[in-house]
Amino acid sequence: MLKSIGVTPRQVTMMTVTSMAVLGAIGSLLGIPLGMAGYHLVVPRMTAAVNIILPAYMTDVWEAPALAALALAGLVIAVLGAFVPARRAGRLAIAEVLRSE
């Protein structure tokens, strides 16, 4: 649709990749705290169910550099996952795109 109104293939690619980067960033910002909360709910209940006590090195696993790396990984995965399909879509002929709509 964008190509039919004169958007260049590069602009189509950049628009798609940018929108996926935003979704990747939002997913990272929501997913990491939710994953941490789930961990803090599940692990103590599992250990209590089998009557064991885990040492601190097994339960204190959240460190700032690792969390930053996870957030960056979510962003990179979203961008890389969007790049190839966006580039392909940008290179399609307008008539072919409109036929498939």
PDB file of N, CA and C in Angstrom:
ATOM      1  N   MET A   1       0.826  -1.191   0.000  1.00  0.00           N
ATOM      2  CA  MET A   1       0.000   0.000   0.000  1.00  0.00           C
ATOM      3  C   MET A   1       0.865   1.247   0.000  1.00  0.00           C
ATOM      4  N   LEU A   2       1.932   1.210   0.766  1.00  0.00           N
ATOM      5  CA  LEU A   2       2.809   2.375   0.838  1.00  0.00           C
ATOM      6  C   LEU A   2       3.467   2.660  -0.505  1.00  0.00           C
ATOM      7  N   LYS A   3       3.871   1.612  -1.193  1.00  0.00           N
ATOM      8  CA  LYS A   3       4.506   1.809  -2.491  1.00  0.00           C
ATOM      9  C   LYS A   3       3.539   2.414  -3.496  1.00  0.00           C
ATOM     10  N   SER A   4       2.257   2.120  -3.365  1.00  0.00           N
ATOM     11  CA  SER A   4       1.289   2.670  -4.316  1.00  0.00           C
ATOM     12  C   SER A   4       1.112   4.174  -4.139  1.00  0.00           C
ATOM     13  N   ILE A   5       1.508   4.722  -3.014  1.00  0.00           N
ATOM     14  CA  ILE A   5       1.414   6.181  -2.829  1.00  0.00           C
ATOM     15  C   ILE A   5       2.780   6.859  -2.955  1.00  0.00           C
ATOM     16  N   GLY A   6       3.784   6.083  -3.403  1.00  0.00           N
ATOM     17  CA  GLY A   6       5.066   6.695  -3.745  1.00  0.00           C
ATOM     18  C   GLY A   6       6.183   6.536  -2.729  1.00  0.00           C
ATOM     19  N   VAL A   7       6.008   5.690  -1.747  1.00  0.00           N
ATOM     20  CA  VAL A   7       7.064   5.473  -0.764  1.00  0.00           C
ATOM     21  C   VAL A   7       8.134   4.578  -1.382  1.00  0.00           C
ATOM     22  N   THR A   8       9.388   4.918  -1.168  1.00  0.00           N
ATOM     23  CA  THR A   8      10.487   4.154  -1.756  1.00  0.00           C
ATOM     24  C   THR A   8      10.676   2.830  -1.003  1.00  0.00           C
ATOM     25  N   PRO A   9      11.327   1.852  -1.643  1.00  0.00           N
ATOM     26  CA  PRO A   9      11.582   0.576  -0.969  1.00  0.00           C
ATOM     27  C   PRO A   9      12.370   0.738   0.337  1.00  0.00           C
ATOM     28  N   ARG A  10      13.321   1.639   0.336  1.00  0.00           N
ATOM     29  CA  ARG A  10      14.104   1.886   1.551  1.00  0.00           C
ATOM     30  C   ARG A  10      13.215   2.432   2.677  1.00  0.00           C
ATOM     31  N   GLN A  11      12.300   3.318   2.335  1.00  0.00           N
ATOM     32  CA  GLN A  11      11.393   3.867   3.339  1.00  0.00           C
ATOM     33  C   GLN A  11      10.451   2.796   3.881  1.00  0.00           C
ATOM     34  N   VAL A  12       9.984   1.904   3.013  1.00  0.00           N
ATOM     35  CA  VAL A  12       9.129   0.800   3.456  1.00  0.00           C
ATOM     36  C   VAL A  12       9.891  -0.062   4.456  1.00  0.00           C
ATOM     37  N   THR A  13      11.135  -0.381   4.124  1.00  0.00           N
ATOM     38  CA  THR A  13      11.958  -1.200   5.015  1.00  0.00           C
ATOM     39  C   THR A  13      12.170  -0.496   6.342  1.00  0.00           C
ATOM     40  N   MET A  14      12.542   0.761   6.309  1.00  0.00           N
ATOM     41  CA  MET A  14      12.820   1.495   7.547  1.00  0.00           C
ATOM     42  C   MET A  14      11.562   1.661   8.410  1.00  0.00           C
ATOM     43  N   MET A  15      10.429   1.896   7.782  1.00  0.00           N
ATOM     44  CA  MET A  15       9.187   2.046   8.551  1.00  0.00           C
ATOM     45  C   MET A  15       8.827   0.741   9.255  1.00  0.00           C
ATOM     46  N   THR A  16       8.955  -0.363   8.542  1.00  0.00           N
ATOM     47  CA  THR A  16       8.616  -1.662   9.125  1.00  0.00           C
ATOM     48  C   THR A  16       9.586  -2.038  10.237  1.00  0.00           C
ATOM     49  N   VAL A  17      10.871  -1.869   9.987  1.00  0.00           N
ATOM     50  CA  VAL A  17      11.876  -2.214  10.993  1.00  0.00           C
ATOM     51  C   VAL A  17      11.724  -1.327  12.225  1.00  0.00           C
ATOM     52  N   THR A  18      11.453  -0.056  12.033  1.00  0.00           N
ATOM     53  CA  THR A  18      11.274   0.859  13.160  1.00  0.00           C
ATOM     54  C   THR A  18      10.063   0.475  13.993  1.00  0.00           C
ATOM     55  N   SER A  19       8.971   0.137  13.336  1.00  0.00           N
ATOM     56  CA  SER A  19       7.781  -0.243  14.106  1.00  0.00           C
ATOM     57  C   SER A  19       8.016  -1.538  14.880  1.00  0.00           C
ATOM     58  N   MET A  20       8.761  -2.465  14.303  1.00  0.00           N
ATOM     59  CA  MET A  20       9.076  -3.703  15.027  1.00  0.00           C
ATOM     60  C   MET A  20      10.072  -3.453  16.149  1.00  0.00           C
ATOM     61  N   ALA A  21      10.965  -2.488  15.968  1.00  0.00           N
ATOM     62  CA  ALA A  21      11.898  -2.133  17.039  1.00  0.00           C
ATOM     63  C   ALA A  21      11.138  -1.575  18.242  1.00  0.00           C
ATOM     64  N   VAL A  22      10.125  -0.774  17.978  1.00  0.00           N
ATOM     65  CA  VAL A  22       9.305  -0.243  19.076  1.00  0.00           C
ATOM     66  C   VAL A  22       8.588  -1.385  19.800  1.00  0.00           C
ATOM     67  N   LEU A  23       8.021  -2.315  19.025  1.00  0.00           N
ATOM     68  CA  LEU A  23       7.357  -3.469  19.652  1.00  0.00           C
ATOM     69  C   LEU A  23       8.349  -4.337  20.430  1.00  0.00           C
ATOM     70  N   GLY A  24       9.557  -4.493  19.902  1.00  0.00           N
ATOM     71  CA  GLY A  24      10.585  -5.259  20.611  1.00  0.00           C
ATOM     72  C   GLY A  24      10.988  -4.595  21.915  1.00  0.00           C
ATOM     73  N   ALA A  25      11.110  -3.274  21.893  1.00  0.00           N
ATOM     74  CA  ALA A  25      11.462  -2.535  23.108  1.00  0.00           C
ATOM     75  C   ALA A  25      10.343  -2.637  24.143  1.00  0.00           C
ATOM     76  N   ILE A  26       9.107  -2.501  23.704  1.00  0.00           N
ATOM     77  CA  ILE A  26       7.971  -2.617  24.625  1.00  0.00           C
ATOM     78  C   ILE A  26       7.890  -4.033  25.188  1.00  0.00           C
ATOM     79  N   GLY A  27       8.101  -5.019  24.329  1.00  0.00           N
ATOM     80  CA  GLY A  27       8.100  -6.407  24.781  1.00  0.00           C
ATOM     81  C   GLY A  27       9.178  -6.675  25.805  1.00  0.00           C
ATOM     82  N   SER A  28      10.361  -6.113  25.592  1.00  0.00           N
ATOM     83  CA  SER A  28      11.447  -6.277  26.559  1.00  0.00           C
ATOM     84  C   SER A  28      11.127  -5.586  27.877  1.00  0.00           C
ATOM     85  N   LEU A  29      10.600  -4.375  27.783  1.00  0.00           N
ATOM     86  CA  LEU A  29      10.300  -3.623  29.000  1.00  0.00           C
ATOM     87  C   LEU A  29       9.166  -4.250  29.815  1.00  0.00           C
ATOM     88  N   LEU A  30       8.252  -4.925  29.154  1.00  0.00           N
ATOM     89  CA  LEU A  30       7.178  -5.619  29.872  1.00  0.00           C
ATOM     90  C   LEU A  30       7.569  -7.046  30.246  1.00  0.00           C
ATOM     91  N   GLY A  31       8.254  -7.723  29.352  1.00  0.00           N
ATOM     92  CA  GLY A  31       8.563  -9.133  29.551  1.00  0.00           C
ATOM     93  C   GLY A  31       9.567  -9.394  30.660  1.00  0.00           C
ATOM     94  N   ILE A  32      10.574  -8.553  30.783  1.00  0.00           N
ATOM     95  CA  ILE A  32      11.595  -8.789  31.803  1.00  0.00           C
ATOM     96  C   ILE A  32      11.008  -8.666  33.212  1.00  0.00           C
ATOM     97  N   PRO A  33      10.293  -7.594  33.546  1.00  0.00           N
ATOM     98  CA  PRO A  33       9.706  -7.538  34.896  1.00  0.00           C
ATOM     99  C   PRO A  33       8.665  -8.636  35.145  1.00  0.00           C
ATOM    100  N   LEU A  34       7.872  -8.964  34.131  1.00  0.00           N
ATOM    101  CA  LEU A  34       6.891 -10.034  34.305  1.00  0.00           C
ATOM    102  C   LEU A  34       7.572 -11.384  34.507  1.00  0.00           C
ATOM    103  N   GLY A  35       8.663 -11.619  33.796  1.00  0.00           N
ATOM    104  CA  GLY A  35       9.429 -12.847  33.977  1.00  0.00           C
ATOM    105  C   GLY A  35      10.055 -12.919  35.357  1.00  0.00           C
ATOM    106  N   MET A  36      10.549 -11.801  35.836  1.00  0.00           N
ATOM    107  CA  MET A  36      11.129 -11.760  37.182  1.00  0.00           C
ATOM    108  C   MET A  36      10.058 -12.019  38.236  1.00  0.00           C
ATOM    109  N   ALA A  37       8.895 -11.411  38.049  1.00  0.00           N
ATOM    110  CA  ALA A  37       7.799 -11.618  39.000  1.00  0.00           C
ATOM    111  C   ALA A  37       7.365 -13.081  38.995  1.00  0.00           C
ATOM    112  N   GLY A  38       7.265 -13.671  37.815  1.00  0.00           N
ATOM    113  CA  GLY A  38       6.913 -15.089  37.732  1.00  0.00           C
ATOM    114  C   GLY A  38       7.938 -15.969  38.410  1.00  0.00           C
ATOM    115  N   TYR A  39       9.196 -15.646  38.237  1.00  0.00           N
ATOM    116  CA  TYR A  39      10.280 -16.398  38.876  1.00  0.00           C
ATOM    117  C   TYR A  39      10.143 -16.326  40.396  1.00  0.00           C
ATOM    118  N   HIS A  40       9.891 -15.110  40.903  1.00  0.00           N
ATOM    119  CA  HIS A  40       9.774 -14.929  42.350  1.00  0.00           C
ATOM    120  C   HIS A  40       8.513 -15.575  42.925  1.00  0.00           C
ATOM    121  N   LEU A  41       7.531 -15.823  42.099  1.00  0.00           N
ATOM    122  CA  LEU A  41       6.334 -16.535  42.561  1.00  0.00           C
ATOM    123  C   LEU A  41       6.502 -18.052  42.481  1.00  0.00           C
ATOM    124  N   VAL A  42       7.111 -18.534  41.414  1.00  0.00           N
ATOM    125  CA  VAL A  42       7.168 -19.975  41.157  1.00  0.00           C
ATOM    126  C   VAL A  42       8.270 -20.682  41.946  1.00  0.00           C
ATOM    127  N   VAL A  43       9.478 -20.149  41.912  1.00  0.00           N
ATOM    128  CA  VAL A  43      10.610 -20.852  42.525  1.00  0.00           C
ATOM    129  C   VAL A  43      10.416 -21.094  44.019  1.00  0.00           C
ATOM    130  N   PRO A  44      10.011 -20.103  44.824  1.00  0.00           N
ATOM    131  CA  PRO A  44       9.798 -20.391  46.247  1.00  0.00           C
ATOM    132  C   PRO A  44       8.710 -21.449  46.488  1.00  0.00           C
ATOM    133  N   ARG A  45       7.667 -21.423  45.686  1.00  0.00           N
ATOM    134  CA  ARG A  45       6.603 -22.419  45.852  1.00  0.00           C
ATOM    135  C   ARG A  45       7.079 -23.809  45.468  1.00  0.00           C
ATOM    136  N   MET A  46       7.894 -23.897  44.428  1.00  0.00           N
ATOM    137  CA  MET A  46       8.420 -25.201  44.030  1.00  0.00           C
ATOM    138  C   MET A  46       9.356 -25.761  45.100  1.00  0.00           C
ATOM    139  N   THR A  47      10.221 -24.922  45.637  1.00  0.00           N
ATOM    140  CA  THR A  47      11.147 -25.411  46.665  1.00  0.00           C
ATOM    141  C   THR A  47      10.401 -25.775  47.943  1.00  0.00           C
ATOM    142  N   ALA A  48       9.364 -25.021  48.276  1.00  0.00           N
ATOM    143  CA  ALA A  48       8.571 -25.336  49.470  1.00  0.00           C
ATOM    144  C   ALA A  48       7.799 -26.641  49.283  1.00  0.00           C
ATOM    145  N   ALA A  49       7.379 -26.910  48.062  1.00  0.00           N
ATOM    146  CA  ALA A  49       6.600 -28.120  47.804  1.00  0.00           C
ATOM    147  C   ALA A  49       7.421 -29.385  48.006  1.00  0.00           C
ATOM    148  N   VAL A  50       8.711 -29.304  47.762  1.00  0.00           N
ATOM    149  CA  VAL A  50       9.562 -30.486  47.923  1.00  0.00           C
ATOM    150  C   VAL A  50      10.453 -30.388  49.167  1.00  0.00           C
ATOM    151  N   ASN A  51      10.192 -29.397  50.001  1.00  0.00           N
ATOM    152  CA  ASN A  51      10.914 -29.197  51.274  1.00  0.00           C
ATOM    153  C   ASN A  51      12.416 -29.111  51.112  1.00  0.00           C
ATOM    154  N   ILE A  52      12.856 -28.254  50.201  1.00  0.00           N
ATOM    155  CA  ILE A  52      14.291 -27.994  50.081  1.00  0.00           C
ATOM    156  C   ILE A  52      14.526 -26.497  50.186  1.00  0.00           C
ATOM    157  N   ILE A  53      15.742 -26.135  50.535  1.00  0.00           N
ATOM    158  CA  ILE A  53      16.145 -24.729  50.590  1.00  0.00           C
ATOM    159  C   ILE A  53      17.306 -24.562  49.615  1.00  0.00           C
ATOM    160  N   LEU A  54      17.111 -23.700  48.644  1.00  0.00           N
ATOM    161  CA  LEU A  54      18.160 -23.468  47.659  1.00  0.00           C
ATOM    162  C   LEU A  54      19.153 -22.445  48.188  1.00  0.00           C
ATOM    163  N   PRO A  55      20.431 -22.639  47.916  1.00  0.00           N
ATOM    164  CA  PRO A  55      21.419 -21.635  48.326  1.00  0.00           C
ATOM    165  C   PRO A  55      21.225 -20.334  47.558  1.00  0.00           C
ATOM    166  N   ALA A  56      21.753 -19.266  48.104  1.00  0.00           N
ATOM    167  CA  ALA A  56      21.554 -17.934  47.517  1.00  0.00           C
ATOM    168  C   ALA A  56      22.087 -17.841  46.094  1.00  0.00           C
ATOM    169  N   TYR A  57      23.188 -18.513  45.799  1.00  0.00           N
ATOM    170  CA  TYR A  57      23.734 -18.410  44.443  1.00  0.00           C
ATOM    171  C   TYR A  57      22.802 -19.026  43.396  1.00  0.00           C
ATOM    172  N   MET A  58      21.849 -19.841  43.827  1.00  0.00           N
ATOM    173  CA  MET A  58      20.890 -20.427  42.883  1.00  0.00           C
ATOM    174  C   MET A  58      19.615 -19.600  42.761  1.00  0.00           C
ATOM    175  N   THR A  59      19.366 -18.729  43.717  1.00  0.00           N
ATOM    176  CA  THR A  59      18.138 -17.939  43.677  1.00  0.00           C
ATOM    177  C   THR A  59      18.364 -16.477  43.338  1.00  0.00           C
ATOM    178  N   ASP A  60      19.533 -15.949  43.628  1.00  0.00           N
ATOM    179  CA  ASP A  60      19.837 -14.548  43.319  1.00  0.00           C
ATOM    180  C   ASP A  60      20.488 -14.478  41.946  1.00  0.00           C
ATOM    181  N   VAL A  61      19.680 -14.540  40.915  1.00  0.00           N
ATOM    182  CA  VAL A  61      20.199 -14.649  39.555  1.00  0.00           C
ATOM    183  C   VAL A  61      20.058 -13.371  38.735  1.00  0.00           C
ATOM    184  N   TRP A  62      19.417 -12.351  39.281  1.00  0.00           N
ATOM    185  CA  TRP A  62      19.164 -11.143  38.497  1.00  0.00           C
ATOM    186  C   TRP A  62      20.260 -10.122  38.744  1.00  0.00           C
ATOM    187  N   GLU A  63      20.988  -9.789  37.697  1.00  0.00           N
ATOM    188  CA  GLU A  63      22.022  -8.772  37.749  1.00  0.00           C
ATOM    189  C   GLU A  63      21.749  -7.754  36.654  1.00  0.00           C
ATOM    190  N   ALA A  64      22.065  -6.496  36.930  1.00  0.00           N
ATOM    191  CA  ALA A  64      21.761  -5.415  35.990  1.00  0.00           C
ATOM    192  C   ALA A  64      22.358  -5.637  34.595  1.00  0.00           C
ATOM    193  N   PRO A  65      23.632  -6.034  34.462  1.00  0.00           N
ATOM    194  CA  PRO A  65      24.152  -6.234  33.100  1.00  0.00           C
ATOM    195  C   PRO A  65      23.410  -7.334  32.327  1.00  0.00           C
ATOM    196  N   ALA A  66      23.031  -8.396  33.019  1.00  0.00           N
ATOM    197  CA  ALA A  66      22.303  -9.475  32.346  1.00  0.00           C
ATOM    198  C   ALA A  66      20.915  -8.998  31.912  1.00  0.00           C
ATOM    199  N   LEU A  67      20.254  -8.203  32.737  1.00  0.00           N
ATOM    200  CA  LEU A  67      18.931  -7.689  32.371  1.00  0.00           C
ATOM    201  C   LEU A  67      19.031  -6.722  31.197  1.00  0.00           C
ATOM    202  N   ALA A  68      20.070  -5.900  31.189  1.00  0.00           N
ATOM    203  CA  ALA A  68      20.270  -4.982  30.061  1.00  0.00           C
ATOM    204  C   ALA A  68      20.541  -5.775  28.778  1.00  0.00           C
ATOM    205  N   ALA A  69      21.315  -6.847  28.904  1.00  0.00           N
ATOM    206  CA  ALA A  69      21.590  -7.692  27.729  1.00  0.00           C
ATOM    207  C   ALA A  69      20.318  -8.363  27.228  1.00  0.00           C
ATOM    208  N   LEU A  70      19.446  -8.779  28.143  1.00  0.00           N
ATOM    209  CA  LEU A  70      18.176  -9.378  27.731  1.00  0.00           C
ATOM    210  C   LEU A  70      17.299  -8.372  26.998  1.00  0.00           C
ATOM    211  N   ALA A  71      17.244  -7.140  27.510  1.00  0.00           N
ATOM    212  CA  ALA A  71      16.448  -6.101  26.852  1.00  0.00           C
ATOM    213  C   ALA A  71      17.000  -5.806  25.460  1.00  0.00           C
ATOM    214  N   LEU A  72      18.310  -5.716  25.352  1.00  0.00           N
ATOM    215  CA  LEU A  72      18.934  -5.460  24.056  1.00  0.00           C
ATOM    216  C   LEU A  72      18.701  -6.630  23.108  1.00  0.00           C
ATOM    217  N   ALA A  73      18.752  -7.846  23.619  1.00  0.00           N
ATOM    218  CA  ALA A  73      18.513  -9.029  22.781  1.00  0.00           C
ATOM    219  C   ALA A  73      17.095  -9.022  22.222  1.00  0.00           C
ATOM    220  N   GLY A  74      16.112  -8.628  23.033  1.00  0.00           N
ATOM    221  CA  GLY A  74      14.734  -8.535  22.547  1.00  0.00           C
ATOM    222  C   GLY A  74      14.601  -7.536  21.414  1.00  0.00           C
ATOM    223  N   LEU A  75      15.283  -6.425  21.549  1.00  0.00           N
ATOM    224  CA  LEU A  75      15.254  -5.399  20.512  1.00  0.00           C
ATOM    225  C   LEU A  75      15.935  -5.892  19.236  1.00  0.00           C
ATOM    226  N   VAL A  76      17.083  -6.518  19.375  1.00  0.00           N
ATOM    227  CA  VAL A  76      17.832  -7.020  18.212  1.00  0.00           C
ATOM    228  C   VAL A  76      17.048  -8.109  17.486  1.00  0.00           C
ATOM    229  N   ILE A  77      16.436  -9.006  18.237  1.00  0.00           N
ATOM    230  CA  ILE A  77      15.647 -10.082  17.620  1.00  0.00           C
ATOM    231  C   ILE A  77      14.482  -9.501  16.825  1.00  0.00           C
ATOM    232  N   ALA A  78      13.809  -8.499  17.379  1.00  0.00           N
ATOM    233  CA  ALA A  78      12.686  -7.881  16.670  1.00  0.00           C
ATOM    234  C   ALA A  78      13.145  -7.208  15.378  1.00  0.00           C
ATOM    235  N   VAL A  79      14.258  -6.489  15.443  1.00  0.00           N
ATOM    236  CA  VAL A  79      14.759  -5.788  14.258  1.00  0.00           C
ATOM    237  C   VAL A  79      15.228  -6.783  13.189  1.00  0.00           C
ATOM    238  N   LEU A  80      15.990  -7.784  13.594  1.00  0.00           N
ATOM    239  CA  LEU A  80      16.473  -8.761  12.619  1.00  0.00           C
ATOM    240  C   LEU A  80      15.332  -9.586  12.025  1.00  0.00           C
ATOM    241  N   GLY A  81      14.331  -9.870  12.844  1.00  0.00           N
ATOM    242  CA  GLY A  81      13.189 -10.635  12.356  1.00  0.00           C
ATOM    243  C   GLY A  81      12.329  -9.854  11.381  1.00  0.00           C
ATOM    244  N   ALA A  82      12.375  -8.536  11.450  1.00  0.00           N
ATOM    245  CA  ALA A  82      11.566  -7.705  10.556  1.00  0.00           C
ATOM    246  C   ALA A  82      12.322  -7.282   9.308  1.00  0.00           C
ATOM    247  N   PHE A  83      13.643  -7.294   9.363  1.00  0.00           N
ATOM    248  CA  PHE A  83      14.418  -6.716   8.270  1.00  0.00           C
ATOM    249  C   PHE A  83      14.235  -7.446   6.938  1.00  0.00           C
ATOM    250  N   VAL A  84      14.403  -8.748   6.928  1.00  0.00           N
ATOM    251  CA  VAL A  84      14.324  -9.494   5.659  1.00  0.00           C
ATOM    252  C   VAL A  84      12.929  -9.416   5.039  1.00  0.00           C
ATOM    253  N   PRO A  85      11.845  -9.680   5.790  1.00  0.00           N
ATOM    254  CA  PRO A  85      10.516  -9.547   5.166  1.00  0.00           C
ATOM    255  C   PRO A  85      10.210  -8.118   4.717  1.00  0.00           C
ATOM    256  N   ALA A  86      10.679  -7.132   5.477  1.00  0.00           N
ATOM    257  CA  ALA A  86      10.431  -5.740   5.087  1.00  0.00           C
ATOM    258  C   ALA A  86      11.183  -5.397   3.810  1.00  0.00           C
ATOM    259  N   ARG A  87      12.398  -5.876   3.693  1.00  0.00           N
ATOM    260  CA  ARG A  87      13.178  -5.619   2.483  1.00  0.00           C
ATOM    261  C   ARG A  87      12.530  -6.286   1.273  1.00  0.00           C
ATOM    262  N   ARG A  88      12.043  -7.508   1.475  1.00  0.00           N
ATOM    263  CA  ARG A  88      11.349  -8.209   0.387  1.00  0.00           C
ATOM    264  C   ARG A  88      10.090  -7.466  -0.032  1.00  0.00           C
ATOM    265  N   ALA A  89       9.334  -7.004   0.965  1.00  0.00           N
ATOM    266  CA  ALA A  89       8.099  -6.272   0.665  1.00  0.00           C
ATOM    267  C   ALA A  89       8.400  -4.969  -0.061  1.00  0.00           C
ATOM    268  N   GLY A  90       9.476  -4.316   0.325  1.00  0.00           N
ATOM    269  CA  GLY A  90       9.845  -3.064  -0.328  1.00  0.00           C
ATOM    270  C   GLY A  90      10.263  -3.238  -1.769  1.00  0.00           C
ATOM    271  N   ARG A  91      10.769  -4.408  -2.120  1.00  0.00           N
ATOM    272  CA  ARG A  91      11.236  -4.662  -3.487  1.00  0.00           C
ATOM    273  C   ARG A  91      10.146  -5.164  -4.428  1.00  0.00           C
ATOM    274  N   LEU A  92       8.990  -5.533  -3.890  1.00  0.00           N
ATOM    275  CA  LEU A  92       7.918  -6.051  -4.741  1.00  0.00           C
ATOM    276  C   LEU A  92       7.374  -4.959  -5.662  1.00  0.00           C
ATOM    277  N   ALA A  93       6.906  -5.362  -6.814  1.00  0.00           N
ATOM    278  CA  ALA A  93       6.271  -4.428  -7.747  1.00  0.00           C
ATOM    279  C   ALA A  93       4.903  -4.030  -7.205  1.00  0.00           C
ATOM    280  N   ILE A  94       4.518  -2.804  -7.482  1.00  0.00           N
ATOM    281  CA  ILE A  94       3.251  -2.283  -6.962  1.00  0.00           C
ATOM    282  C   ILE A  94       2.071  -3.134  -7.423  1.00  0.00           C
ATOM    283  N   ALA A  95       2.056  -3.519  -8.693  1.00  0.00           N
ATOM    284  CA  ALA A  95       0.941  -4.323  -9.226  1.00  0.00           C
ATOM    285  C   ALA A  95       0.852  -5.670  -8.495  1.00  0.00           C
ATOM    286  N   GLU A  96       1.991  -6.272  -8.201  1.00  0.00           N
ATOM    287  CA  GLU A  96       2.000  -7.560  -7.509  1.00  0.00           C
ATOM    288  C   GLU A  96       1.471  -7.416  -6.085  1.00  0.00           C
ATOM    289  N   VAL A  97       1.828  -6.341  -5.437  1.00  0.00           N
ATOM    290  CA  VAL A  97       1.361  -6.094  -4.079  1.00  0.00           C
ATOM    291  C   VAL A  97      -0.132  -5.865  -4.062  1.00  0.00           C
ATOM    292  N   LEU A  98      -0.634  -5.066  -4.986  1.00  0.00           N
ATOM    293  CA  LEU A  98      -2.056  -4.768  -5.014  1.00  0.00           C
ATOM    294  C   LEU A  98      -2.879  -6.009  -5.374  1.00  0.00           C
ATOM    295  N   ARG A  99      -2.350  -6.900  -6.186  1.00  0.00           N
ATOM    296  CA  ARG A  99      -3.044  -8.144  -6.510  1.00  0.00           C
ATOM    297  C   ARG A  99      -3.181  -9.049  -5.287  1.00  0.00           C
ATOM    298  N   SER A 100      -2.173  -9.026  -4.423  1.00  0.00           N
ATOM    299  CA  SER A 100      -2.199  -9.913  -3.259  1.00  0.00           C
ATOM    300  C   SER A 100      -3.019  -9.348  -2.100  1.00  0.00           C
ATOM    301  N   GLU A 101      -3.420  -8.105  -2.196  1.00  0.00           N
ATOM    302  CA  GLU A 101      -4.203  -7.479  -1.111  1.00  0.00           C
ATOM    303  C   GLU A 101      -5.608  -7.974  -1.074  1.00  0.00           C
TER     304      GLU A 101
END
